[in-house]
Amino acid sequence: MSEEHTHFGFQEVPLSEKADRVADVFRKVANQYDTMNDLMSLGSHRLMKRMAVELTRAKKGHTVLDLAGGTGDLSRLLADRVGREGTVILCDINPEMIRVGRDRLLDRGYQSVSFTIGDAEQLPLADQSLDAIIIGFGLRNVTRKEVALKAMRKALKPGCRAVILEFSTLAHPALVPAYQKFSTIWPKLGQWITGDAAPYQYLVESIAMHPDQETLAGMMREAGFVGVGFDNLLGGVAALHYGEAPLPNSPEPATKSME
């Protein structure tokens, strides 16, 4: 029986190969990751991340997961919210990204952040152990997104929230040509800054292959989240999705979406 395939950018690859291919992409760009994010987003990713952290409803003393946390931008913001009495767990499948994130956070004096290498599809955490989960610009790289979403829901305490910040689908078709032209610059920037255009060509392709807003919201509901909704950012260049782990015997709240 032939092995199941999935997409890696626009390529079809065996399911077992995708994680290693994605890991290689981020190993190559780890040291310049934040610089490239600033250039490609014109700095807007920082505001998006602050908005995402606000949506988690994280408070002092909470235990929160920064999934696919990479270089730790979101972990730093979360650590400021949960304080020294709380815990932020930065989890990433890529050791090189974790190394960069750990060094930066420790250099800045953040002691409430722990670091773990882990797969989003098999979280190394107990069920119902987390007060919030956030994944920023990482879900599109996960091989089996539906499996990861179920793992996230199981790790949350009842009534607690997962927030997904990810590139998405433009809500206004008239903006598509300009956005596509702008995104073609990214591999050239990558070649100039990092010496390798391939990871940023993958970025462009992975965005195109990622589920649109309504599809991802439906996947979250299928995974067992309730109160699912999304807010478009920059007209749909990115979107913030959110949903809660259900309370015992509680009906699902009305779905919400905003342009």
Protein backbone atom coordinates (compact mmCIF):
# COMPACT_ATOMS: atom_id res chain seq x y z
CA MET A 1 0.00 0.00 0.00
CA SER A 2 1.45 3.37 -1.03
CA GLU A 3 2.18 6.01 1.59
CA GLU A 4 -0.22 8.90 2.02
CA HIS A 5 0.99 12.22 0.60
CA THR A 6 0.59 15.84 1.69
CA HIS A 7 1.72 19.21 0.41
CA PHE A 8 5.01 20.95 1.10
CA GLY A 9 4.37 24.31 -0.51
CA PHE A 10 3.19 23.41 -4.00
CA GLN A 11 4.95 20.03 -3.95
CA GLU A 12 3.33 16.71 -3.11
CA VAL A 13 5.54 14.78 -0.66
CA PRO A 14 5.16 11.62 1.44
CA LEU A 15 3.44 12.38 4.76
CA SER A 16 6.46 11.08 6.67
CA GLU A 17 8.80 13.61 4.98
CA LYS A 18 7.01 16.90 5.60
CA ALA A 19 8.09 17.49 9.19
CA ASP A 20 11.76 17.02 8.28
CA ARG A 21 11.45 19.33 5.28
CA VAL A 22 9.81 22.05 7.38
CA ALA A 23 12.46 21.59 10.08
CA ASP A 24 15.18 22.13 7.48
CA VAL A 25 13.51 25.37 6.33
CA PHE A 26 13.53 26.85 9.82
CA ARG A 27 16.99 25.54 10.67
CA LYS A 28 18.31 27.59 7.77
CA VAL A 29 16.58 30.84 8.76
CA ALA A 30 16.59 30.70 12.58
CA ASN A 31 19.22 33.37 13.16
CA GLN A 32 17.62 35.88 10.75
CA TYR A 33 14.00 34.88 11.40
CA ASP A 34 12.95 38.03 13.29
CA THR A 35 14.77 40.38 10.91
CA MET A 36 12.98 38.84 7.95
CA ASN A 37 9.61 39.03 9.73
CA ASP A 38 10.08 42.77 10.22
CA LEU A 39 11.03 43.30 6.59
CA MET A 40 8.29 41.14 5.07
CA SER A 41 5.50 42.53 7.25
CA LEU A 42 6.85 46.10 7.44
CA GLY A 43 6.80 45.61 11.20
CA SER A 44 3.08 44.80 11.38
CA HIS A 45 3.64 41.28 12.75
CA ARG A 46 4.52 42.81 16.12
CA LEU A 47 1.12 44.48 16.45
CA MET A 48 -0.61 41.29 15.27
CA LYS A 49 1.18 39.30 17.97
CA ARG A 50 0.10 41.75 20.66
CA MET A 51 -3.49 41.43 19.50
CA ALA A 52 -3.20 37.64 19.56
CA VAL A 53 -1.86 37.64 23.12
CA GLU A 54 -4.76 39.87 24.24
CA LEU A 55 -7.20 37.32 22.84
CA THR A 56 -5.74 34.48 24.93
CA ARG A 57 -7.14 36.09 28.12
CA ALA A 58 -3.95 35.01 29.90
CA LYS A 59 -3.69 36.34 33.47
CA LYS A 60 -1.27 36.39 36.38
CA GLY A 61 -0.45 32.89 37.54
CA HIS A 62 -1.69 31.14 34.41
CA THR A 63 0.10 28.32 32.61
CA VAL A 64 0.13 29.02 28.87
CA LEU A 65 1.60 27.31 25.83
CA ASP A 66 3.36 29.13 23.00
CA LEU A 67 3.13 26.40 20.39
CA ALA A 68 5.57 26.53 17.46
CA GLY A 69 6.98 29.39 19.51
CA GLY A 70 10.22 29.70 17.59
CA THR A 71 12.29 32.69 18.63
CA GLY A 72 10.00 33.60 21.52
CA ASP A 73 8.26 36.85 20.52
CA LEU A 74 4.92 35.59 21.80
CA SER A 75 6.49 33.92 24.86
CA ARG A 76 7.93 37.25 25.95
CA LEU A 77 4.55 38.98 25.68
CA LEU A 78 2.83 36.11 27.48
CA ALA A 79 5.44 36.09 30.26
CA ASP A 80 4.71 39.75 30.94
CA ARG A 81 1.03 38.84 31.40
CA VAL A 82 1.35 35.72 33.59
CA GLY A 83 4.11 37.17 35.76
CA ARG A 84 6.65 35.28 37.84
CA GLU A 85 3.91 33.24 39.49
CA GLY A 86 2.80 31.93 36.08
CA THR A 87 4.48 29.73 33.48
CA VAL A 88 4.97 30.05 29.75
CA ILE A 89 5.93 26.90 27.87
CA LEU A 90 7.68 27.58 24.56
CA CYS A 91 7.27 24.45 22.47
CA ASP A 92 8.72 24.01 19.00
CA ILE A 93 9.63 21.01 16.89
CA ASN A 94 12.83 22.69 15.72
CA PRO A 95 15.79 22.67 18.16
CA GLU A 96 17.58 25.50 16.35
CA MET A 97 14.60 27.84 16.67
CA ILE A 98 14.28 26.97 20.36
CA ARG A 99 17.99 27.69 20.86
CA VAL A 100 17.58 31.19 19.43
CA GLY A 101 14.42 31.83 21.45
CA ARG A 102 15.90 30.51 24.70
CA ASP A 103 19.04 32.62 24.36
CA ARG A 104 17.08 35.80 23.68
CA LEU A 105 14.59 35.30 26.50
CA LEU A 106 17.20 34.36 29.08
CA ASP A 107 19.38 37.29 28.02
CA ARG A 108 16.41 39.57 28.75
CA GLY A 109 15.85 38.07 32.18
CA TYR A 110 12.72 36.01 31.55
CA GLN A 111 12.77 33.21 34.12
CA SER A 112 9.14 32.05 33.90
CA VAL A 113 9.56 30.53 30.42
CA SER A 114 10.33 26.85 30.00
CA PHE A 115 11.43 25.26 26.75
CA THR A 116 10.50 21.94 25.22
CA ILE A 117 10.98 20.28 21.84
CA GLY A 118 7.65 18.88 20.79
CA ASP A 119 5.31 18.08 17.91
CA ALA A 120 2.02 19.97 17.67
CA GLU A 121 0.31 16.70 16.78
CA GLN A 122 1.53 15.01 19.97
CA LEU A 123 1.83 17.63 22.66
CA PRO A 124 4.11 16.60 25.54
CA LEU A 125 1.59 17.92 28.06
CA ALA A 126 -1.16 16.52 30.26
CA ASP A 127 -4.81 16.83 29.25
CA GLN A 128 -6.62 19.87 30.70
CA SER A 129 -3.37 21.36 32.03
CA LEU A 130 -3.29 24.74 30.25
CA ASP A 131 -5.06 28.07 30.75
CA ALA A 132 -4.35 29.20 27.18
CA ILE A 133 -2.63 28.14 23.97
CA ILE A 134 -1.33 30.38 21.22
CA ILE A 135 0.24 29.41 17.90
CA GLY A 136 1.58 32.24 15.79
CA PHE A 137 2.36 31.71 12.10
CA GLY A 138 2.99 28.03 12.74
CA LEU A 139 -0.17 26.07 12.00
CA ARG A 140 0.30 26.14 8.23
CA ASN A 141 3.54 24.15 8.68
CA VAL A 142 1.86 21.33 10.62
CA THR A 143 1.42 18.15 8.60
CA ARG A 144 -1.94 17.06 10.04
CA LYS A 145 -3.64 20.22 11.21
CA GLU A 146 -6.79 18.43 12.32
CA VAL A 147 -4.73 16.22 14.65
CA ALA A 148 -2.92 19.23 16.11
CA LEU A 149 -6.18 21.08 16.73
CA LYS A 150 -7.58 18.11 18.66
CA ALA A 151 -4.37 17.90 20.70
CA MET A 152 -4.64 21.60 21.53
CA ARG A 153 -8.27 21.28 22.62
CA LYS A 154 -7.48 18.30 24.86
CA ALA A 155 -4.59 20.15 26.56
CA LEU A 156 -6.80 23.11 27.53
CA LYS A 157 -8.75 23.34 30.75
CA PRO A 158 -12.52 23.56 30.17
CA GLY A 159 -13.54 27.08 29.16
CA CYS A 160 -9.98 28.10 28.26
CA ARG A 161 -8.98 29.43 24.87
CA ALA A 162 -6.73 28.65 21.94
CA VAL A 163 -5.69 31.48 19.62
CA ILE A 164 -4.28 30.92 16.14
CA LEU A 165 -2.52 33.76 14.33
CA GLU A 166 -1.82 32.81 10.75
CA PHE A 167 -1.56 34.10 7.21
CA SER A 168 -4.93 33.78 5.55
CA THR A 169 -7.03 34.66 2.50
CA LEU A 170 -7.65 38.25 1.40
CA ALA A 171 -11.26 39.27 1.96
CA HIS A 172 -11.20 41.78 -0.92
CA PRO A 173 -10.27 40.32 -4.33
CA ALA A 174 -9.16 43.73 -5.61
CA LEU A 175 -6.19 43.56 -3.22
CA VAL A 176 -4.94 40.20 -4.47
CA PRO A 177 -2.73 41.41 -7.38
CA ALA A 178 -0.87 43.95 -5.23
CA TYR A 179 -0.38 41.42 -2.41
CA GLN A 180 0.88 38.76 -4.79
CA LYS A 181 3.35 41.19 -6.30
CA PHE A 182 4.58 42.22 -2.84
CA SER A 183 4.99 38.58 -1.73
CA THR A 184 7.18 37.80 -4.76
CA ILE A 185 9.78 40.09 -3.19
CA TRP A 186 10.16 37.82 -0.14
CA PRO A 187 12.38 35.15 -1.73
CA LYS A 188 14.62 37.90 -3.10
CA LEU A 189 14.85 39.45 0.37
CA GLY A 190 15.60 36.03 1.79
CA GLN A 191 18.44 35.55 -0.66
CA TRP A 192 19.87 38.95 0.25
CA ILE A 193 19.52 38.65 4.05
CA THR A 194 20.06 34.93 4.65
CA GLY A 195 21.79 33.81 1.48
CA ASP A 196 18.98 31.38 0.67
CA ALA A 197 15.76 32.15 -1.21
CA ALA A 198 14.25 28.65 -0.92
CA PRO A 199 12.77 28.99 2.60
CA TYR A 200 10.90 32.13 1.56
CA GLN A 201 9.65 30.58 -1.65
CA TYR A 202 8.24 27.84 0.60
CA LEU A 203 6.66 30.56 2.74
CA VAL A 204 4.83 32.05 -0.24
CA GLU A 205 3.63 28.62 -1.35
CA SER A 206 2.59 27.46 2.14
CA ILE A 207 0.43 30.57 2.57
CA ALA A 208 -1.34 29.81 -0.71
CA MET A 209 -2.04 26.23 0.44
CA HIS A 210 -3.32 27.14 3.92
CA PRO A 211 -7.07 26.82 4.59
CA ASP A 212 -9.11 30.01 4.31
CA GLN A 213 -10.81 31.59 7.31
CA GLU A 214 -14.12 29.73 7.17
CA THR A 215 -12.43 26.40 6.47
CA LEU A 216 -10.10 26.75 9.44
CA ALA A 217 -12.98 27.80 11.68
CA GLY A 218 -14.82 24.65 10.58
CA MET A 219 -11.76 22.53 11.37
CA MET A 220 -11.65 24.00 14.87
CA ARG A 221 -15.29 23.08 15.44
CA GLU A 222 -14.62 19.57 14.15
CA ALA A 223 -11.77 19.32 16.68
CA GLY A 224 -14.22 20.07 19.49
CA PHE A 225 -13.73 23.79 20.07
CA VAL A 226 -16.74 25.94 20.93
CA GLY A 227 -17.27 29.68 20.59
CA VAL A 228 -15.16 29.60 17.44
CA GLY A 229 -14.62 32.88 15.62
CA PHE A 230 -12.07 34.85 13.65
CA ASP A 231 -11.02 38.42 13.02
CA ASN A 232 -9.35 39.45 9.76
CA LEU A 233 -6.17 41.52 9.97
CA LEU A 234 -5.02 43.78 7.14
CA GLY A 235 -8.00 42.75 5.06
CA GLY A 236 -7.28 39.05 5.45
CA VAL A 237 -3.52 39.03 4.92
CA ALA A 238 -3.62 37.32 8.30
CA ALA A 239 -6.42 36.23 10.60
CA LEU A 240 -6.87 35.60 14.31
CA HIS A 241 -8.91 32.47 15.01
CA TYR A 242 -10.02 31.56 18.51
CA GLY A 243 -12.07 28.92 20.27
CA GLU A 244 -12.54 27.43 23.71
CA ALA A 245 -12.43 23.95 25.17
CA PRO A 246 -16.04 23.16 26.09
CA LEU A 247 -17.35 23.23 29.63
CA PRO A 248 -18.95 19.97 30.75
CA ASN A 249 -22.51 19.65 29.39
CA SER A 250 -22.49 23.19 27.97
CA PRO A 251 -24.09 24.14 24.63
CA GLU A 252 -21.91 25.72 21.97
CA PRO A 253 -22.03 29.54 22.01
CA ALA A 254 -22.97 31.38 18.82
CA THR A 255 -20.24 31.52 16.21
CA LYS A 256 -18.72 34.92 15.59
CA SER A 257 -16.71 36.31 12.70
CA MET A 258 -15.63 39.82 11.91
CA GLU A 259 -14.17 41.55 8.89
